[in-house]
Amino acid sequence: MVEISRTLMVEPKVMLIDEPTAGLSKMLAEEVYEMLTMLTTQENLSILIVDQEIRQALKIADYVYVLELGRNKFEGPSSEFTDLKQAFWVGA
């Protein structure tokens, strides 16, 4: 969260964030995603997120790329990923 705050000081138009919730508790991870959602809606900030927390990322994403073994497996607007969500969550 400190890194995100520090980055915002220069008023960027785009942020690239890698694994923003790695190692955080579930409660803190939810706060991070709430903050990212607020930044995209209220501050008109575009954010590219690389994250393994698919459930959280799909909640706030406009567009999704799914990589498998370093290759683009799927891509498209997040609204088209209903079936993909179910595929990822089987057994989760």
C-alpha atoms as a PDB file:
ATOM      1  CA  MET A   1       0.000   0.000   0.000  1.00  0.00           C
ATOM      2  CA  VAL A   2       2.913   2.320   0.716  1.00  0.00           C
ATOM      3  CA  GLU A   3       4.308   1.761  -2.782  1.00  0.00           C
ATOM      4  CA  ILE A   4       0.938   2.520  -4.354  1.00  0.00           C
ATOM      5  CA  SER A   5       0.630   5.701  -2.283  1.00  0.00           C
ATOM      6  CA  ARG A   6       4.143   6.760  -3.191  1.00  0.00           C
ATOM      7  CA  THR A   7       3.435   6.195  -6.890  1.00  0.00           C
ATOM      8  CA  LEU A   8       0.269   8.301  -6.704  1.00  0.00           C
ATOM      9  CA  MET A   9       2.303  11.321  -5.591  1.00  0.00           C
ATOM     10  CA  VAL A  10       3.455  11.887  -9.188  1.00  0.00           C
ATOM     11  CA  GLU A  11      -0.154  11.738 -10.473  1.00  0.00           C
ATOM     12  CA  PRO A  12       0.267   8.960 -13.044  1.00  0.00           C
ATOM     13  CA  LYS A  13      -2.301   8.199 -15.726  1.00  0.00           C
ATOM     14  CA  VAL A  14      -1.380   4.488 -15.761  1.00  0.00           C
ATOM     15  CA  MET A  15      -0.059   2.181 -13.044  1.00  0.00           C
ATOM     16  CA  LEU A  16       1.489  -1.244 -13.530  1.00  0.00           C
ATOM     17  CA  ILE A  17       1.056  -3.431 -10.451  1.00  0.00           C
ATOM     18  CA  ASP A  18       2.506  -6.912  -9.980  1.00  0.00           C
ATOM     19  CA  GLU A  19       0.902  -9.157  -7.342  1.00  0.00           C
ATOM     20  CA  PRO A  20      -0.470  -6.323  -5.174  1.00  0.00           C
ATOM     21  CA  THR A  21      -1.791  -8.696  -2.522  1.00  0.00           C
ATOM     22  CA  ALA A  22       1.055 -11.217  -2.320  1.00  0.00           C
ATOM     23  CA  GLY A  23       1.638 -12.198   1.287  1.00  0.00           C
ATOM     24  CA  LEU A  24      -1.240 -10.139   2.671  1.00  0.00           C
ATOM     25  CA  SER A  25      -4.060 -11.375   4.851  1.00  0.00           C
ATOM     26  CA  LYS A  26      -7.468 -11.730   3.226  1.00  0.00           C
ATOM     27  CA  MET A  27      -8.693  -8.587   5.001  1.00  0.00           C
ATOM     28  CA  LEU A  28      -5.762  -6.468   3.790  1.00  0.00           C
ATOM     29  CA  ALA A  29      -6.028  -7.920   0.284  1.00  0.00           C
ATOM     30  CA  GLU A  30      -9.671  -6.827   0.136  1.00  0.00           C
ATOM     31  CA  GLU A  31      -8.652  -3.314   1.229  1.00  0.00           C
ATOM     32  CA  VAL A  32      -6.025  -3.156  -1.519  1.00  0.00           C
ATOM     33  CA  TYR A  33      -8.576  -4.145  -4.150  1.00  0.00           C
ATOM     34  CA  GLU A  34     -11.097  -1.635  -2.770  1.00  0.00           C
ATOM     35  CA  MET A  35      -8.436   1.066  -3.098  1.00  0.00           C
ATOM     36  CA  LEU A  36      -7.598  -0.010  -6.657  1.00  0.00           C
ATOM     37  CA  THR A  37     -11.286   0.066  -7.571  1.00  0.00           C
ATOM     38  CA  MET A  38     -11.605   3.563  -6.143  1.00  0.00           C
ATOM     39  CA  LEU A  39      -8.569   4.735  -8.110  1.00  0.00           C
ATOM     40  CA  THR A  40      -9.989   3.490 -11.392  1.00  0.00           C
ATOM     41  CA  THR A  41     -13.415   5.026 -10.845  1.00  0.00           C
ATOM     42  CA  GLN A  42     -12.782   8.267  -8.935  1.00  0.00           C
ATOM     43  CA  GLU A  43      -9.298   9.178 -10.136  1.00  0.00           C
ATOM     44  CA  ASN A  44      -9.755   7.929 -13.720  1.00  0.00           C
ATOM     45  CA  LEU A  45      -6.541   5.930 -13.408  1.00  0.00           C
ATOM     46  CA  SER A  46      -5.819   2.991 -15.698  1.00  0.00           C
ATOM     47  CA  ILE A  47      -4.251   0.044 -13.903  1.00  0.00           C
ATOM     48  CA  LEU A  48      -2.610  -3.027 -15.373  1.00  0.00           C
ATOM     49  CA  ILE A  49      -2.622  -5.725 -12.691  1.00  0.00           C
ATOM     50  CA  VAL A  50      -0.709  -8.990 -12.794  1.00  0.00           C
ATOM     51  CA  ASP A  51      -2.199 -11.179 -10.107  1.00  0.00           C
ATOM     52  CA  GLN A  52      -2.932 -14.791  -9.280  1.00  0.00           C
ATOM     53  CA  GLU A  53      -5.944 -13.725  -7.226  1.00  0.00           C
ATOM     54  CA  ILE A  54      -8.268 -14.286 -10.162  1.00  0.00           C
ATOM     55  CA  ARG A  55     -11.482 -13.797  -8.205  1.00  0.00           C
ATOM     56  CA  GLN A  56     -10.499 -10.345  -6.987  1.00  0.00           C
ATOM     57  CA  ALA A  57      -8.992  -9.235 -10.279  1.00  0.00           C
ATOM     58  CA  LEU A  58     -12.066 -10.239 -12.289  1.00  0.00           C
ATOM     59  CA  LYS A  59     -14.279  -8.150 -10.006  1.00  0.00           C
ATOM     60  CA  ILE A  60     -12.560  -4.917 -11.008  1.00  0.00           C
ATOM     61  CA  ALA A  61     -11.167  -5.684 -14.458  1.00  0.00           C
ATOM     62  CA  ASP A  62     -12.478  -4.162 -17.659  1.00  0.00           C
ATOM     63  CA  TYR A  63     -10.318  -6.355 -19.875  1.00  0.00           C
ATOM     64  CA  VAL A  64      -8.596  -9.655 -19.083  1.00  0.00           C
ATOM     65  CA  TYR A  65      -5.602 -11.552 -20.389  1.00  0.00           C
ATOM     66  CA  VAL A  66      -5.065 -15.086 -19.112  1.00  0.00           C
ATOM     67  CA  LEU A  67      -1.565 -16.472 -19.459  1.00  0.00           C
ATOM     68  CA  GLU A  68      -0.699 -20.133 -19.293  1.00  0.00           C
ATOM     69  CA  LEU A  69       2.925 -21.203 -19.403  1.00  0.00           C
ATOM     70  CA  GLY A  70       3.888 -17.730 -20.582  1.00  0.00           C
ATOM     71  CA  ARG A  71       1.459 -17.638 -23.496  1.00  0.00           C
ATOM     72  CA  ASN A  72      -1.786 -15.745 -23.938  1.00  0.00           C
ATOM     73  CA  LYS A  73      -4.497 -18.376 -23.543  1.00  0.00           C
ATOM     74  CA  PHE A  74      -7.611 -16.129 -23.403  1.00  0.00           C
ATOM     75  CA  GLU A  75      -8.357 -12.444 -23.657  1.00  0.00           C
ATOM     76  CA  GLY A  76     -11.377 -10.202 -23.827  1.00  0.00           C
ATOM     77  CA  PRO A  77     -13.699  -7.964 -21.835  1.00  0.00           C
ATOM     78  CA  SER A  78     -14.222  -9.257 -18.303  1.00  0.00           C
ATOM     79  CA  SER A  79     -17.958  -9.614 -19.017  1.00  0.00           C
ATOM     80  CA  GLU A  80     -17.111 -12.462 -21.414  1.00  0.00           C
ATOM     81  CA  PHE A  81     -15.315 -14.495 -18.764  1.00  0.00           C
ATOM     82  CA  THR A  82     -18.293 -16.044 -16.959  1.00  0.00           C
ATOM     83  CA  ASP A  83     -17.449 -19.568 -18.118  1.00  0.00           C
ATOM     84  CA  LEU A  84     -13.767 -18.976 -17.519  1.00  0.00           C
ATOM     85  CA  LYS A  85     -14.498 -18.002 -13.922  1.00  0.00           C
ATOM     86  CA  GLN A  86     -16.251 -21.312 -13.368  1.00  0.00           C
ATOM     87  CA  ALA A  87     -13.371 -23.211 -14.999  1.00  0.00           C
ATOM     88  CA  PHE A  88     -10.833 -21.598 -12.677  1.00  0.00           C
ATOM     89  CA  TRP A  89     -12.906 -22.149  -9.560  1.00  0.00           C
ATOM     90  CA  VAL A  90     -13.649 -25.822  -9.986  1.00  0.00           C
ATOM     91  CA  GLY A  91     -12.302 -27.490  -6.867  1.00  0.00           C
ATOM     92  CA  ALA A  92     -11.258 -24.167  -5.340  1.00  0.00           C
END
